[in-house]
Amino acid sequence: MSDINTIEKEALASIESAGDLGTLEDVRVAELGKKGRVSGLMKQLGGMSPEERKEMGPKLNALKTRVDEAIRTRKEALEAAALEAQLAREKVDLSLPPAPGPKAGALHPVMQVFEEIAAIFGDMGFAVAEGPDMEDDWHNFTALNFPEGHPARETHDTFFMKALEGDDAKVLRTHTSPVQIRTMMTQKPPIRIIAPGRVYRNDWDATHTPMFHQVEGLVIEKNTHMGHLKGCLIDFVKAFFEVDEVEARFRPHFFPFTEPSAEMDVKYTRKGETIEIGAGDSWMEILGSGMVHPNVLRNCGIDPKEYQGFAFGMGVDRLAMLKYGMPDLRPYFEADPQWTRHYGFAPWATPSVSGGLS
């Protein structure tokens, strides 16, 4: 049998000197392939006496293991180097102005509004939180104080998923409120988050779609009250619609997860086909809000005697319609490039409160 030490030194040297993945693969085949040197030595074990196998078996297995590990290590290094070279070749300077000619792509208005909302609330100290689109009943309904028999728990309003045997029933989330529940269960107050994302309802017409986009907000602190909620939302509406003043009112409403609850209306005026938010003769409902219900806090392990907070939610698609003049929700989902070019935004322009949102 050939000298094991000599074979190992030669194999490791060949592996180390392999300058690309192709060469390394040739070394692997030459050493560990069916006709490779190490494989050939392993085949000789069958013709040895029990005493020889007892001596040579561990040595050959150790040789095979060391060569295999060296190949794996070298492969990882070569792949990392190849990736770095590829990234260097494909590097794009995003600070450069766009090339002349027709606009090749545009940011969808919904994504633009997501960015604007995140910029506004980020300036107020809110963090962005996310969660799964497919939820269980507890996170989507029970923890949020929805009683049994509530209409939202029926198939005419919610998409239910067929449960696997022994598993809990799942739903496509009807709001991003489960993100609030998950956040309160994993983080200690104070909490200040917004939860943007897709939500799903069993509905379809000019102003409703089975899948739409929502942003909810949550603040949990010791001394939060309704005045903080009102100030926060009025400041948001002024910043989002880029107006100096907003006349708003908060109408009593009912949501299972807040108490008291209120819908926020703002004054607006219609000029031709456009709507101007902030002042006018008519009221428009813009979002829902309220103080977090004590039952919701208890469900999440937070003492409502020590902490309280407020929550709010708004439809992103509708906000985009109001601000940028889209008359119908359905083209949002029709993948029409002409529509996107007309209503889309420059993908490189990042909204900011100080530099301008739109």
Protein backbone atom coordinates (compact mmCIF):
# COMPACT_ATOMS: atom_id res chain seq x y z
CA MET A 1 0.00 0.00 0.00
CA SER A 2 1.33 3.45 -0.94
CA ASP A 3 2.62 5.78 1.70
CA ILE A 4 -0.45 7.41 3.27
CA ASN A 5 1.50 10.46 4.45
CA THR A 6 2.85 11.09 0.95
CA ILE A 7 -0.62 10.87 -0.60
CA GLU A 8 -2.04 13.23 2.01
CA LYS A 9 0.67 15.84 1.49
CA GLU A 10 0.29 15.73 -2.29
CA ALA A 11 -3.53 15.88 -2.10
CA LEU A 12 -3.56 18.80 0.35
CA ALA A 13 -1.01 20.67 -1.76
CA SER A 14 -3.14 20.18 -4.90
CA ILE A 15 -6.22 21.37 -3.06
CA GLU A 16 -4.50 24.48 -1.72
CA SER A 17 -3.10 25.38 -5.14
CA ALA A 18 -6.46 24.98 -6.94
CA GLY A 19 -7.22 28.43 -8.31
CA ASP A 20 -10.82 27.86 -9.39
CA LEU A 21 -13.75 25.56 -8.76
CA GLY A 22 -13.11 23.56 -11.92
CA THR A 23 -9.55 22.72 -10.91
CA LEU A 24 -10.69 21.86 -7.39
CA GLU A 25 -13.28 19.47 -8.78
CA ASP A 26 -10.56 17.74 -10.81
CA VAL A 27 -8.54 17.29 -7.61
CA ARG A 28 -11.59 15.88 -5.80
CA VAL A 29 -12.21 13.34 -8.56
CA ALA A 30 -8.51 12.38 -8.67
CA GLU A 31 -8.44 11.74 -4.93
CA LEU A 32 -11.97 10.82 -3.81
CA GLY A 33 -13.67 9.79 -7.05
CA LYS A 34 -14.45 6.16 -7.88
CA LYS A 35 -11.02 5.77 -9.46
CA GLY A 36 -9.26 8.22 -7.14
CA ARG A 37 -6.15 7.43 -5.13
CA VAL A 38 -7.83 7.57 -1.72
CA SER A 39 -10.79 5.55 -2.98
CA GLY A 40 -8.38 3.00 -4.41
CA LEU A 41 -6.72 2.59 -1.03
CA MET A 42 -10.11 2.13 0.62
CA LYS A 43 -10.92 -0.68 -1.82
CA GLN A 44 -7.77 -2.54 -0.77
CA LEU A 45 -9.16 -2.98 2.75
CA GLY A 46 -11.32 -5.88 1.57
CA GLY A 47 -8.27 -7.94 0.68
CA MET A 48 -6.46 -7.42 3.97
CA SER A 49 -6.35 -9.68 6.98
CA PRO A 50 -8.42 -8.68 10.03
CA GLU A 51 -5.29 -7.46 11.79
CA GLU A 52 -4.28 -5.29 8.80
CA ARG A 53 -7.80 -3.87 8.45
CA LYS A 54 -7.83 -3.03 12.15
CA GLU A 55 -4.61 -1.05 11.69
CA MET A 56 -5.16 0.52 8.26
CA GLY A 57 -8.94 1.17 8.45
CA PRO A 58 -8.79 4.08 10.91
CA LYS A 59 -5.80 5.58 9.07
CA LEU A 60 -7.54 5.50 5.68
CA ASN A 61 -10.82 6.84 7.10
CA ALA A 62 -8.90 9.69 8.73
CA LEU A 63 -7.12 10.39 5.43
CA LYS A 64 -10.42 10.47 3.54
CA THR A 65 -11.95 12.78 6.16
CA ARG A 66 -9.02 15.24 6.11
CA VAL A 67 -8.96 15.41 2.31
CA ASP A 68 -12.74 15.86 2.14
CA GLU A 69 -12.68 18.67 4.76
CA ALA A 70 -9.82 20.41 2.94
CA ILE A 71 -11.79 20.30 -0.30
CA ARG A 72 -14.90 21.70 1.40
CA THR A 73 -12.92 24.52 3.00
CA ARG A 74 -11.19 25.40 -0.25
CA LYS A 75 -14.51 25.30 -2.12
CA GLU A 76 -16.08 27.76 0.32
CA ALA A 77 -13.13 30.11 -0.08
CA LEU A 78 -13.25 29.92 -3.88
CA GLU A 79 -17.03 30.47 -3.94
CA ALA A 80 -16.68 33.49 -1.67
CA ALA A 81 -13.93 34.91 -3.88
CA ALA A 82 -16.03 34.28 -7.00
CA LEU A 83 -19.00 36.05 -5.42
CA GLU A 84 -16.87 39.03 -4.43
CA ALA A 85 -15.51 39.24 -7.99
CA GLN A 86 -19.02 39.05 -9.43
CA LEU A 87 -20.30 41.77 -7.08
CA ALA A 88 -17.35 43.97 -8.03
CA ARG A 89 -18.12 43.48 -11.74
CA GLU A 90 -21.83 44.18 -11.28
CA LYS A 91 -21.47 47.12 -8.90
CA VAL A 92 -23.82 50.00 -9.70
CA ASP A 93 -23.36 53.52 -8.38
CA LEU A 94 -26.85 54.42 -7.17
CA SER A 95 -25.83 58.03 -6.60
CA LEU A 96 -25.45 58.56 -10.36
CA PRO A 97 -28.34 60.29 -12.18
CA PRO A 98 -30.57 57.98 -14.26
CA ALA A 99 -29.62 57.35 -17.85
CA PRO A 100 -31.36 59.53 -20.46
CA GLY A 101 -34.32 58.14 -22.33
CA PRO A 102 -37.71 56.73 -21.32
CA LYS A 103 -38.19 55.61 -17.74
CA ALA A 104 -37.65 51.84 -17.64
CA GLY A 105 -39.30 51.21 -14.28
CA ALA A 106 -41.23 52.96 -11.55
CA LEU A 107 -42.13 52.44 -7.92
CA HIS A 108 -45.76 51.43 -7.41
CA PRO A 109 -47.83 54.12 -5.62
CA VAL A 110 -48.64 51.69 -2.79
CA MET A 111 -44.94 51.11 -2.14
CA GLN A 112 -44.35 54.87 -2.32
CA VAL A 113 -47.04 55.46 0.33
CA PHE A 114 -45.55 52.72 2.52
CA GLU A 115 -42.22 54.57 2.34
CA GLU A 116 -43.85 57.92 3.12
CA ILE A 117 -45.73 56.55 6.13
CA ALA A 118 -42.59 54.88 7.47
CA ALA A 119 -40.66 58.14 7.06
CA ILE A 120 -43.29 60.15 8.97
CA PHE A 121 -43.70 57.76 11.88
CA GLY A 122 -39.99 57.00 11.92
CA ASP A 123 -39.45 60.71 12.52
CA MET A 124 -41.78 60.35 15.54
CA GLY A 125 -39.70 57.49 16.96
CA PHE A 126 -41.72 54.50 15.71
CA ALA A 127 -39.98 51.28 14.65
CA VAL A 128 -41.26 49.02 11.85
CA ALA A 129 -42.48 45.54 12.88
CA GLU A 130 -43.56 42.66 10.65
CA GLY A 131 -45.31 39.31 11.00
CA PRO A 132 -46.63 36.36 8.95
CA ASP A 133 -49.48 36.72 6.44
CA MET A 134 -50.97 33.39 7.56
CA GLU A 135 -52.08 33.52 11.18
CA ASP A 136 -53.80 31.33 13.73
CA ASP A 137 -57.16 32.17 15.25
CA TRP A 138 -55.66 33.23 18.57
CA HIS A 139 -53.37 35.94 17.18
CA ASN A 140 -55.87 37.18 14.59
CA PHE A 141 -59.04 37.17 16.71
CA THR A 142 -59.00 35.83 20.28
CA ALA A 143 -56.04 37.82 21.62
CA LEU A 144 -57.60 40.95 20.08
CA ASN A 145 -60.79 40.50 22.12
CA PHE A 146 -63.00 39.29 19.25
CA PRO A 147 -65.88 37.33 20.84
CA GLU A 148 -67.10 33.98 19.53
CA GLY A 149 -69.66 34.49 16.78
CA HIS A 150 -68.23 37.84 15.66
CA PRO A 151 -68.95 38.41 11.92
CA ALA A 152 -65.23 38.69 11.18
CA ARG A 153 -64.89 35.02 12.15
CA GLU A 154 -67.23 33.95 9.32
CA THR A 155 -66.25 32.82 5.81
CA HIS A 156 -68.12 35.70 4.16
CA ASP A 157 -65.51 38.06 5.62
CA THR A 158 -62.36 35.98 6.19
CA PHE A 159 -60.31 33.48 4.19
CA PHE A 160 -59.89 30.32 6.25
CA MET A 161 -57.20 27.74 5.46
CA LYS A 162 -57.81 24.00 5.68
CA ALA A 163 -56.14 22.81 8.87
CA LEU A 164 -53.78 19.86 8.85
CA GLU A 165 -54.68 16.93 11.08
CA GLY A 166 -53.95 17.84 14.68
CA ASP A 167 -53.11 21.45 13.79
CA ASP A 168 -54.95 24.66 14.66
CA ALA A 169 -57.00 26.35 11.96
CA LYS A 170 -55.22 29.11 10.05
CA VAL A 171 -56.52 32.26 8.39
CA LEU A 172 -55.11 34.81 6.00
CA ARG A 173 -54.74 37.72 8.41
CA THR A 174 -57.58 40.23 8.16
CA HIS A 175 -55.47 43.06 9.61
CA THR A 176 -51.90 43.62 10.74
CA SER A 177 -53.05 43.69 14.38
CA PRO A 178 -51.52 40.23 15.03
CA VAL A 179 -48.14 41.95 14.62
CA GLN A 180 -49.08 44.12 17.59
CA ILE A 181 -49.90 41.00 19.62
CA ARG A 182 -46.61 39.33 18.71
CA THR A 183 -44.70 42.49 19.57
CA MET A 184 -46.36 42.92 22.97
CA MET A 185 -45.68 39.28 23.81
CA THR A 186 -41.97 39.50 22.96
CA GLN A 187 -41.04 43.06 23.97
CA LYS A 188 -41.40 44.90 27.23
CA PRO A 189 -42.95 48.40 27.26
CA PRO A 190 -42.39 51.09 26.27
CA ILE A 191 -43.39 50.05 22.75
CA ARG A 192 -43.79 52.29 19.73
CA ILE A 193 -44.21 50.49 16.39
CA ILE A 194 -45.98 50.59 13.05
CA ALA A 195 -46.94 47.35 11.32
CA PRO A 196 -47.22 47.63 7.53
CA GLY A 197 -48.21 44.72 5.30
CA ARG A 198 -50.71 42.83 3.18
CA VAL A 199 -54.10 41.85 4.61
CA TYR A 200 -56.96 39.80 3.19
CA ARG A 201 -60.76 40.15 3.17
CA ASN A 202 -63.42 38.34 1.16
CA ASP A 203 -64.46 41.39 -0.88
CA TRP A 204 -64.07 42.74 -4.45
CA ASP A 205 -65.39 45.97 -6.06
CA ALA A 206 -64.14 49.41 -7.14
CA THR A 207 -63.03 50.32 -3.62
CA HIS A 208 -62.37 46.85 -2.10
CA THR A 209 -60.00 44.05 -3.10
CA PRO A 210 -59.44 40.57 -1.62
CA MET A 211 -55.87 41.54 -0.80
CA PHE A 212 -54.95 45.07 0.19
CA HIS A 213 -52.37 46.93 2.23
CA GLN A 214 -52.60 48.30 5.73
CA VAL A 215 -50.48 50.10 8.29
CA GLU A 216 -51.27 49.90 11.97
CA GLY A 217 -49.60 51.69 14.82
CA LEU A 218 -49.17 50.85 18.48
CA VAL A 219 -47.88 52.81 21.45
CA ILE A 220 -47.68 51.24 24.92
CA GLU A 221 -46.37 53.40 27.76
CA LYS A 222 -47.30 54.25 31.34
CA ASN A 223 -48.97 57.63 30.89
CA THR A 224 -50.35 57.54 27.34
CA HIS A 225 -53.82 59.03 26.85
CA MET A 226 -56.28 59.98 24.11
CA GLY A 227 -54.71 63.40 23.68
CA HIS A 228 -51.45 61.77 22.60
CA LEU A 229 -53.36 59.68 20.07
CA LYS A 230 -55.09 62.73 18.58
CA GLY A 231 -51.91 64.78 18.39
CA CYS A 232 -49.98 61.94 16.77
CA LEU A 233 -52.61 61.31 14.09
CA ILE A 234 -53.23 64.97 13.27
CA ASP A 235 -49.48 65.48 12.85
CA PHE A 236 -49.39 62.42 10.60
CA VAL A 237 -52.22 63.64 8.34
CA LYS A 238 -50.60 67.07 7.99
CA ALA A 239 -47.26 65.54 7.09
CA PHE A 240 -48.67 62.90 4.72
CA PHE A 241 -50.90 65.24 2.72
CA GLU A 242 -48.26 68.00 3.00
CA VAL A 243 -50.59 70.70 4.31
CA ASP A 244 -50.04 73.22 7.07
CA GLU A 245 -53.34 72.71 8.89
CA VAL A 246 -55.91 69.94 9.18
CA GLU A 247 -59.40 70.20 10.64
CA ALA A 248 -60.19 66.84 12.19
CA ARG A 249 -62.80 65.20 14.38
CA PHE A 250 -62.87 61.91 16.26
CA ARG A 251 -66.24 60.12 16.20
CA PRO A 252 -67.03 57.42 18.79
CA HIS A 253 -66.91 53.98 17.22
CA PHE A 254 -66.52 50.34 18.22
CA PHE A 255 -63.54 48.05 17.70
CA PRO A 256 -63.15 44.91 19.83
CA PHE A 257 -59.49 45.65 20.55
CA THR A 258 -59.75 49.32 21.66
CA GLU A 259 -61.79 51.14 24.30
CA PRO A 260 -62.66 53.93 23.81
CA SER A 261 -62.56 53.69 20.01
CA ALA A 262 -62.83 56.45 17.44
CA GLU A 263 -62.82 57.00 13.72
CA MET A 264 -60.89 60.01 12.54
CA ASP A 265 -62.52 62.30 9.99
CA VAL A 266 -60.83 65.20 8.22
CA LYS A 267 -62.31 68.15 6.33
CA TYR A 268 -61.84 68.14 2.57
CA THR A 269 -62.92 69.97 -0.55
CA ARG A 270 -63.37 68.65 -4.07
CA LYS A 271 -62.02 70.69 -6.99
CA GLY A 272 -62.99 69.03 -10.23
CA GLU A 273 -61.57 65.51 -10.16
CA THR A 274 -59.14 66.24 -7.31
CA ILE A 275 -59.64 66.14 -3.55
CA GLU A 276 -57.81 68.53 -1.24
CA ILE A 277 -57.42 67.37 2.36
CA GLY A 278 -57.28 69.77 5.30
CA ALA A 279 -60.19 72.15 4.98
CA GLY A 280 -63.52 72.42 3.21
CA ASP A 281 -67.20 71.75 3.76
CA SER A 282 -67.24 67.93 3.86
CA TRP A 283 -65.95 65.29 6.23
CA MET A 284 -64.09 62.15 5.18
CA GLU A 285 -63.25 59.14 7.36
CA ILE A 286 -59.51 58.55 7.14
CA LEU A 287 -58.63 55.87 9.73
CA GLY A 288 -59.68 54.01 12.87
CA SER A 289 -58.10 54.35 16.28
CA GLY A 290 -58.54 54.02 20.03
CA MET A 291 -56.98 53.20 23.37
CA VAL A 292 -55.79 49.58 23.61
CA HIS A 293 -58.41 47.47 25.38
CA PRO A 294 -57.30 46.18 28.83
CA ASN A 295 -58.23 42.63 27.77
CA VAL A 296 -55.73 42.83 24.90
CA LEU A 297 -53.00 43.96 27.27
CA ARG A 298 -53.79 41.11 29.67
CA ASN A 299 -53.76 38.58 26.83
CA CYS A 300 -50.22 39.71 26.05
CA GLY A 301 -49.00 39.59 29.65
CA ILE A 302 -49.03 43.37 30.21
CA ASP A 303 -50.61 44.81 33.36
CA PRO A 304 -53.30 47.34 32.27
CA LYS A 305 -53.10 48.98 35.71
CA GLU A 306 -49.51 49.95 35.00
CA TYR A 307 -49.48 50.43 31.22
CA GLN A 308 -51.89 51.77 28.67
CA GLY A 309 -51.56 52.78 25.06
CA PHE A 310 -53.22 53.60 21.80
CA ALA A 311 -53.51 51.94 18.41
CA PHE A 312 -54.60 53.00 14.95
CA GLY A 313 -54.98 51.50 11.50
CA MET A 314 -55.34 52.83 7.98
CA GLY A 315 -55.72 51.47 4.46
CA VAL A 316 -52.63 52.27 2.41
CA ASP A 317 -54.34 51.72 -0.94
CA ARG A 318 -57.04 54.23 -0.09
CA LEU A 319 -54.52 56.79 1.15
CA ALA A 320 -52.69 56.43 -2.17
CA MET A 321 -55.97 57.01 -4.04
CA LEU A 322 -56.71 60.15 -2.03
CA LYS A 323 -53.25 61.66 -2.35
CA TYR A 324 -52.38 60.74 -5.92
CA GLY A 325 -55.79 60.68 -7.63
CA MET A 326 -56.31 57.04 -8.62
CA PRO A 327 -60.10 56.56 -9.06
CA ASP A 328 -60.19 52.74 -8.86
CA LEU A 329 -58.38 50.17 -6.71
CA ARG A 330 -58.50 47.32 -9.22
CA PRO A 331 -55.75 48.58 -11.59
CA TYR A 332 -53.39 48.37 -8.60
CA PHE A 333 -53.26 44.62 -9.19
CA GLU A 334 -53.52 44.37 -12.99
CA ALA A 335 -49.78 44.69 -13.70
CA ASP A 336 -50.37 47.26 -16.45
CA PRO A 337 -46.98 48.87 -17.21
CA GLN A 338 -48.66 51.88 -18.81
CA TRP A 339 -50.63 52.53 -15.60
CA THR A 340 -47.47 52.09 -13.52
CA ARG A 341 -45.51 54.48 -15.72
CA HIS A 342 -48.27 57.07 -15.34
CA TYR A 343 -48.75 56.79 -11.58
CA GLY A 344 -45.34 55.41 -10.57
CA PHE A 345 -42.51 57.15 -8.75
CA ALA A 346 -38.77 57.36 -9.28
CA PRO A 347 -37.36 54.32 -7.43
CA TRP A 348 -34.27 56.21 -6.25
CA ALA A 349 -36.17 59.04 -4.51
CA THR A 350 -36.34 58.32 -0.77
CA PRO A 351 -39.15 60.15 1.07
CA SER A 352 -38.21 62.18 4.12
CA VAL A 353 -40.10 64.55 6.39
CA SER A 354 -37.52 67.32 6.02
CA GLY A 355 -36.66 66.81 2.34
CA GLY A 356 -40.16 66.17 1.04
CA LEU A 357 -42.28 63.04 0.76
CA SER A 358 -43.50 63.03 -2.82
